[in-house]
C-alpha atoms as a PDB file:
ATOM      1  CA  UNK A   1      11.757   8.992  16.393  1.00  0.00           C
ATOM      2  CA  UNK A   2      14.818   6.802  16.150  1.00  0.00           C
ATOM      3  CA  UNK A   3      14.747   3.554  18.084  1.00  0.00           C
ATOM      4  CA  UNK A   4      17.069   3.417  21.049  1.00  0.00           C
ATOM      5  CA  UNK A   5      20.235   1.508  20.231  1.00  0.00           C
ATOM      6  CA  UNK A   6      20.790  -1.702  22.083  1.00  0.00           C
ATOM      7  CA  UNK A   7      23.691  -4.046  22.565  1.00  0.00           C
ATOM      8  CA  UNK A   8      22.475  -6.014  19.531  1.00  0.00           C
ATOM      9  CA  UNK A   9      22.120  -2.948  17.261  1.00  0.00           C
ATOM     10  CA  UNK A  10      19.152  -0.682  16.515  1.00  0.00           C
ATOM     11  CA  UNK A  11      15.715  -2.056  17.311  1.00  0.00           C
ATOM     12  CA  UNK A  12      13.330  -2.455  14.419  1.00  0.00           C
ATOM     13  CA  UNK A  13       9.581  -2.664  14.770  1.00  0.00           C
ATOM     14  CA  UNK A  14       8.316  -5.142  12.199  1.00  0.00           C
ATOM     15  CA  UNK A  15       4.731  -5.473  10.943  1.00  0.00           C
ATOM     16  CA  UNK A  16       4.454  -8.727  12.879  1.00  0.00           C
ATOM     17  CA  UNK A  17       5.347  -6.952  16.132  1.00  0.00           C
ATOM     18  CA  UNK A  18       2.775  -4.259  15.400  1.00  0.00           C
ATOM     19  CA  UNK A  19       0.076  -6.876  14.753  1.00  0.00           C
ATOM     20  CA  UNK A  20       1.022  -8.739  17.925  1.00  0.00           C
ATOM     21  CA  UNK A  21       0.821  -5.519  19.934  1.00  0.00           C
ATOM     22  CA  UNK A  22      -2.612  -4.781  18.493  1.00  0.00           C
ATOM     23  CA  UNK A  23      -3.792  -8.304  19.226  1.00  0.00           C
ATOM     24  CA  UNK A  24      -2.494  -8.278  22.789  1.00  0.00           C
ATOM     25  CA  UNK A  25      -3.750  -4.814  23.707  1.00  0.00           C
ATOM     26  CA  UNK A  26      -7.220  -5.265  22.225  1.00  0.00           C
ATOM     27  CA  UNK A  27      -7.839  -8.806  23.368  1.00  0.00           C
ATOM     28  CA  UNK A  28      -7.931 -10.172  19.823  1.00  0.00           C
ATOM     29  CA  UNK A  29      -5.376 -12.826  20.815  1.00  0.00           C
ATOM     30  CA  UNK A  30      -7.978 -14.246  23.194  1.00  0.00           C
ATOM     31  CA  UNK A  31     -10.073 -16.850  21.329  1.00  0.00           C
ATOM     32  CA  UNK A  32     -13.121 -15.670  23.279  1.00  0.00           C
ATOM     33  CA  UNK A  33     -12.580 -12.189  21.818  1.00  0.00           C
ATOM     34  CA  UNK A  34     -12.636 -13.420  18.233  1.00  0.00           C
ATOM     35  CA  UNK A  35     -15.595 -13.141  15.876  1.00  0.00           C
ATOM     36  CA  UNK A  36     -18.716 -13.939  17.863  1.00  0.00           C
ATOM     37  CA  UNK A  37     -22.312 -13.233  16.811  1.00  0.00           C
ATOM     38  CA  UNK A  38     -21.603 -10.047  14.849  1.00  0.00           C
ATOM     39  CA  UNK A  39     -18.557  -8.900  16.819  1.00  0.00           C
ATOM     40  CA  UNK A  40     -15.424  -8.402  14.787  1.00  0.00           C
ATOM     41  CA  UNK A  41     -11.929  -9.195  16.037  1.00  0.00           C
ATOM     42  CA  UNK A  42      -9.595  -6.209  16.403  1.00  0.00           C
ATOM     43  CA  UNK A  43      -7.290  -7.454  13.659  1.00  0.00           C
ATOM     44  CA  UNK A  44     -10.207  -7.525  11.214  1.00  0.00           C
ATOM     45  CA  UNK A  45     -11.132  -3.974  12.189  1.00  0.00           C
ATOM     46  CA  UNK A  46      -7.508  -2.963  11.647  1.00  0.00           C
ATOM     47  CA  UNK A  47      -7.538  -4.433   8.125  1.00  0.00           C
ATOM     48  CA  UNK A  48     -10.729  -2.539   7.334  1.00  0.00           C
ATOM     49  CA  UNK A  49      -9.356   0.688   8.734  1.00  0.00           C
ATOM     50  CA  UNK A  50      -6.048   0.419   6.889  1.00  0.00           C
ATOM     51  CA  UNK A  51      -7.861  -0.499   3.660  1.00  0.00           C
ATOM     52  CA  UNK A  52     -10.192   2.493   4.042  1.00  0.00           C
ATOM     53  CA  UNK A  53      -7.258   4.822   4.706  1.00  0.00           C
ATOM     54  CA  UNK A  54      -5.360   3.517   1.658  1.00  0.00           C
ATOM     55  CA  UNK A  55      -8.509   3.928  -0.468  1.00  0.00           C
ATOM     56  CA  UNK A  56      -8.924   7.517   0.709  1.00  0.00           C
ATOM     57  CA  UNK A  57      -5.312   8.299  -0.161  1.00  0.00           C
ATOM     58  CA  UNK A  58      -5.720   6.672  -3.583  1.00  0.00           C
ATOM     59  CA  UNK A  59      -8.636   8.967  -4.340  1.00  0.00           C
ATOM     60  CA  UNK A  60      -6.404  11.958  -3.624  1.00  0.00           C
ATOM     61  CA  UNK A  61      -4.134  12.626  -6.647  1.00  0.00           C
ATOM     62  CA  UNK A  62      -1.711  14.776  -4.647  1.00  0.00           C
ATOM     63  CA  UNK A  63       1.942  13.838  -4.099  1.00  0.00           C
ATOM     64  CA  UNK A  64       1.252  14.004  -0.351  1.00  0.00           C
ATOM     65  CA  UNK A  65      -1.261  11.149  -0.643  1.00  0.00           C
ATOM     66  CA  UNK A  66       1.186   9.068  -2.691  1.00  0.00           C
ATOM     67  CA  UNK A  67       3.840   9.665  -0.042  1.00  0.00           C
ATOM     68  CA  UNK A  68       1.391   8.621   2.686  1.00  0.00           C
ATOM     69  CA  UNK A  69       0.635   5.368   0.830  1.00  0.00           C
ATOM     70  CA  UNK A  70       4.324   4.698   0.293  1.00  0.00           C
ATOM     71  CA  UNK A  71       5.084   5.284   3.992  1.00  0.00           C
ATOM     72  CA  UNK A  72       2.155   3.119   5.187  1.00  0.00           C
ATOM     73  CA  UNK A  73       3.271   0.232   2.983  1.00  0.00           C
ATOM     74  CA  UNK A  74       6.870   0.623   4.186  1.00  0.00           C
ATOM     75  CA  UNK A  75       5.750   0.599   7.825  1.00  0.00           C
ATOM     76  CA  UNK A  76       3.774  -2.559   7.211  1.00  0.00           C
ATOM     77  CA  UNK A  77       0.155  -3.110   6.351  1.00  0.00           C
ATOM     78  CA  UNK A  78      -1.948  -6.261   6.677  1.00  0.00           C
ATOM     79  CA  UNK A  79      -1.717  -8.439   3.555  1.00  0.00           C
ATOM     80  CA  UNK A  80      -5.485  -8.164   2.988  1.00  0.00           C
ATOM     81  CA  UNK A  81      -5.184  -4.363   2.921  1.00  0.00           C
ATOM     82  CA  UNK A  82      -2.255  -4.600   0.500  1.00  0.00           C
ATOM     83  CA  UNK A  83      -4.354  -6.762  -1.813  1.00  0.00           C
ATOM     84  CA  UNK A  84      -7.154  -4.167  -1.746  1.00  0.00           C
ATOM     85  CA  UNK A  85      -4.599  -1.469  -2.574  1.00  0.00           C
ATOM     86  CA  UNK A  86      -3.137  -3.510  -5.431  1.00  0.00           C
ATOM     87  CA  UNK A  87      -6.558  -4.286  -6.880  1.00  0.00           C
ATOM     88  CA  UNK A  88      -7.423  -0.585  -6.864  1.00  0.00           C
ATOM     89  CA  UNK A  89      -4.090   0.268  -8.485  1.00  0.00           C
ATOM     90  CA  UNK A  90      -4.764  -2.405 -11.049  1.00  0.00           C
ATOM     91  CA  UNK A  91      -8.008  -0.772 -12.105  1.00  0.00           C
ATOM     92  CA  UNK A  92      -6.597   2.786 -11.920  1.00  0.00           C
ATOM     93  CA  UNK A  93      -2.787   2.745 -12.123  1.00  0.00           C
ATOM     94  CA  UNK A  94      -0.942   5.766 -10.704  1.00  0.00           C
ATOM     95  CA  UNK A  95       2.510   6.281 -12.128  1.00  0.00           C
ATOM     96  CA  UNK A  96       3.642   7.838  -8.857  1.00  0.00           C
ATOM     97  CA  UNK A  97       2.996   4.518  -7.092  1.00  0.00           C
ATOM     98  CA  UNK A  98       4.692   2.160  -9.556  1.00  0.00           C
ATOM     99  CA  UNK A  99       7.601   1.717  -7.132  1.00  0.00           C
ATOM    100  CA  UNK A 100       5.172   0.586  -4.401  1.00  0.00           C
ATOM    101  CA  UNK A 101       3.628  -2.007  -6.718  1.00  0.00           C
ATOM    102  CA  UNK A 102       7.061  -3.248  -7.795  1.00  0.00           C
ATOM    103  CA  UNK A 103       8.203  -3.549  -4.178  1.00  0.00           C
ATOM    104  CA  UNK A 104       5.099  -5.594  -3.341  1.00  0.00           C
ATOM    105  CA  UNK A 105       6.023  -7.973  -6.170  1.00  0.00           C
ATOM    106  CA  UNK A 106       8.757  -9.192  -3.791  1.00  0.00           C
ATOM    107  CA  UNK A 107       6.456  -9.503  -0.754  1.00  0.00           C
ATOM    108  CA  UNK A 108       6.812 -12.646   1.347  1.00  0.00           C
ATOM    109  CA  UNK A 109       3.287 -13.931   0.611  1.00  0.00           C
ATOM    110  CA  UNK A 110       2.506 -15.341  -2.830  1.00  0.00           C
ATOM    111  CA  UNK A 111      -1.055 -13.995  -2.893  1.00  0.00           C
ATOM    112  CA  UNK A 112       0.183 -10.429  -2.430  1.00  0.00           C
ATOM    113  CA  UNK A 113       2.896 -10.978  -5.058  1.00  0.00           C
ATOM    114  CA  UNK A 114       0.305 -12.306  -7.505  1.00  0.00           C
ATOM    115  CA  UNK A 115      -1.865  -9.223  -7.086  1.00  0.00           C
ATOM    116  CA  UNK A 116       1.236  -7.035  -7.395  1.00  0.00           C
ATOM    117  CA  UNK A 117       2.242  -8.610 -10.713  1.00  0.00           C
ATOM    118  CA  UNK A 118      -1.310  -8.177 -12.045  1.00  0.00           C
ATOM    119  CA  UNK A 119      -1.329  -4.509 -10.965  1.00  0.00           C
ATOM    120  CA  UNK A 120       2.187  -3.888 -12.290  1.00  0.00           C
ATOM    121  CA  UNK A 121       1.197  -5.201 -15.714  1.00  0.00           C
ATOM    122  CA  UNK A 122      -1.454  -2.488 -15.993  1.00  0.00           C
ATOM    123  CA  UNK A 123       1.140   0.314 -16.023  1.00  0.00           C
ATOM    124  CA  UNK A 124       1.668   0.077 -19.784  1.00  0.00           C
ATOM    125  CA  UNK A 125       3.199  -2.338 -22.309  1.00  0.00           C
ATOM    126  CA  UNK A 126       6.811  -1.975 -21.141  1.00  0.00           C
ATOM    127  CA  UNK A 127       5.866  -2.469 -17.491  1.00  0.00           C
ATOM    128  CA  UNK A 128       3.614  -5.409 -18.445  1.00  0.00           C
ATOM    129  CA  UNK A 129       6.601  -7.139 -20.033  1.00  0.00           C
ATOM    130  CA  UNK A 130       8.692  -6.518 -16.929  1.00  0.00           C
ATOM    131  CA  UNK A 131       5.940  -7.744 -14.608  1.00  0.00           C
ATOM    132  CA  UNK A 132       5.361 -10.889 -16.639  1.00  0.00           C
ATOM    133  CA  UNK A 133       9.105 -11.597 -16.803  1.00  0.00           C
ATOM    134  CA  UNK A 134       9.364 -11.270 -13.025  1.00  0.00           C
ATOM    135  CA  UNK A 135       6.271 -13.415 -12.416  1.00  0.00           C
ATOM    136  CA  UNK A 136       7.668 -16.105 -14.735  1.00  0.00           C
ATOM    137  CA  UNK A 137      10.657 -16.642 -12.430  1.00  0.00           C
ATOM    138  CA  UNK A 138       8.770 -16.402  -9.120  1.00  0.00           C
ATOM    139  CA  UNK A 139       9.469 -19.351  -6.833  1.00  0.00           C
ATOM    140  CA  UNK A 140       5.795 -20.014  -6.107  1.00  0.00           C
ATOM    141  CA  UNK A 141       3.946 -22.085  -8.722  1.00  0.00           C
ATOM    142  CA  UNK A 142       0.673 -20.239  -8.047  1.00  0.00           C
ATOM    143  CA  UNK A 143       2.323 -16.980  -9.123  1.00  0.00           C
ATOM    144  CA  UNK A 144       3.920 -18.525 -12.218  1.00  0.00           C
ATOM    145  CA  UNK A 145       0.474 -19.857 -13.091  1.00  0.00           C
ATOM    146  CA  UNK A 146      -0.663 -16.256 -13.643  1.00  0.00           C
ATOM    147  CA  UNK A 147       1.828 -15.702 -16.453  1.00  0.00           C
ATOM    148  CA  UNK A 148      -0.265 -17.164 -19.312  1.00  0.00           C
ATOM    149  CA  UNK A 149      -3.317 -15.129 -18.257  1.00  0.00           C
ATOM    150  CA  UNK A 150      -1.247 -11.954 -17.928  1.00  0.00           C
ATOM    151  CA  UNK A 151       0.324 -12.686 -21.322  1.00  0.00           C
ATOM    152  CA  UNK A 152      -3.109 -13.067 -22.907  1.00  0.00           C
ATOM    153  CA  UNK A 153      -4.140  -9.725 -21.432  1.00  0.00           C
ATOM    154  CA  UNK A 154      -0.895  -7.948 -22.461  1.00  0.00           C
ATOM    155  CA  UNK A 155       0.313  -9.653 -25.659  1.00  0.00           C
ATOM    156  CA  UNK A 156       3.619  -8.902 -27.348  1.00  0.00           C
ATOM    157  CA  UNK A 157       6.358 -10.901 -29.032  1.00  0.00           C
ATOM    158  CA  UNK A 158       8.545 -10.728 -25.935  1.00  0.00           C
ATOM    159  CA  UNK A 159       5.682 -11.818 -23.669  1.00  0.00           C
ATOM    160  CA  UNK A 160       4.915 -14.728 -25.982  1.00  0.00           C
ATOM    161  CA  UNK A 161       8.546 -15.829 -25.719  1.00  0.00           C
ATOM    162  CA  UNK A 162       8.431 -15.496 -21.919  1.00  0.00           C
ATOM    163  CA  UNK A 163       5.461 -17.883 -21.840  1.00  0.00           C
ATOM    164  CA  UNK A 164       7.197 -20.373 -24.147  1.00  0.00           C
ATOM    165  CA  UNK A 165      10.326 -20.270 -21.979  1.00  0.00           C
ATOM    166  CA  UNK A 166       8.268 -20.665 -18.792  1.00  0.00           C
ATOM    167  CA  UNK A 167       6.395 -23.678 -20.134  1.00  0.00           C
ATOM    168  CA  UNK A 168       9.704 -25.254 -21.191  1.00  0.00           C
ATOM    169  CA  UNK A 169      11.022 -24.867 -17.623  1.00  0.00           C
ATOM    170  CA  UNK A 170       7.811 -25.576 -15.721  1.00  0.00           C
ATOM    171  CA  UNK A 171       6.530 -28.916 -16.958  1.00  0.00           C
ATOM    172  CA  UNK A 172       3.811 -29.067 -14.284  1.00  0.00           C
ATOM    173  CA  UNK A 173       2.327 -25.786 -15.485  1.00  0.00           C
ATOM    174  CA  UNK A 174       2.598 -26.923 -19.102  1.00  0.00           C
ATOM    175  CA  UNK A 175       0.764 -30.149 -18.252  1.00  0.00           C
ATOM    176  CA  UNK A 176      -1.932 -28.272 -16.317  1.00  0.00           C
ATOM    177  CA  UNK A 177      -2.466 -25.911 -19.254  1.00  0.00           C
ATOM    178  CA  UNK A 178      -2.639 -28.818 -21.684  1.00  0.00           C
ATOM    179  CA  UNK A 179      -5.321 -30.477 -19.518  1.00  0.00           C
ATOM    180  CA  UNK A 180      -7.441 -27.381 -19.037  1.00  0.00           C
ATOM    181  CA  UNK A 181      -6.634 -24.725 -21.598  1.00  0.00           C
ATOM    182  CA  UNK A 182      -9.924 -22.936 -20.830  1.00  0.00           C
ATOM    183  CA  UNK A 183      -9.080 -22.428 -17.161  1.00  0.00           C
ATOM    184  CA  UNK A 184      -9.560 -18.873 -15.922  1.00  0.00           C
ATOM    185  CA  UNK A 185      -7.285 -17.290 -13.385  1.00  0.00           C
ATOM    186  CA  UNK A 186      -9.577 -15.901 -10.675  1.00  0.00           C
ATOM    187  CA  UNK A 187      -7.206 -13.107  -9.741  1.00  0.00           C
ATOM    188  CA  UNK A 188      -7.391 -11.627 -13.211  1.00  0.00           C
ATOM    189  CA  UNK A 189     -11.194 -11.739 -13.248  1.00  0.00           C
ATOM    190  CA  UNK A 190     -11.566  -9.600 -10.116  1.00  0.00           C
ATOM    191  CA  UNK A 191     -11.291  -6.150 -11.686  1.00  0.00           C
ATOM    192  CA  UNK A 192     -12.197  -6.749 -15.307  1.00  0.00           C
END
């Protein structure tokens, strides 16, 4: 159904509006309705439900399931559900969903982008190089911090050069690595 045009152009329903509508209609916006002695706020139930639905679709290898995932991500899904999706795609990449993973590498939240880069790198050597190159120029330092760990997991001459170039540009990351070269990146430990 197309949104009704308005004086200011077509109306767009954003994920934030959807979450606000859920919160207002279920009482989750009321602090008294939040988590209390075993009760779960509506937004937490929504994350669980969306995550479960995405998981079910991932188990289905059909093109219809891939289309359903693609549409759900495009409509907006809670960041926690997107992270669950990306972690599952990281452990079992599906070529038909590479475009979804790549689109999430530009998501507004750094934690989702970090999981997207880690998942993207699992789609083969060429995609690993592309994911690492994109992560190396991310604006958020926490995402750039994943590059050395991703490079160690997916080594190649090009990836090695990407790390060298990153450390030349990002002196804070270079200093942090020099201080603690044994540091593990928690994100990369999740699915190994």
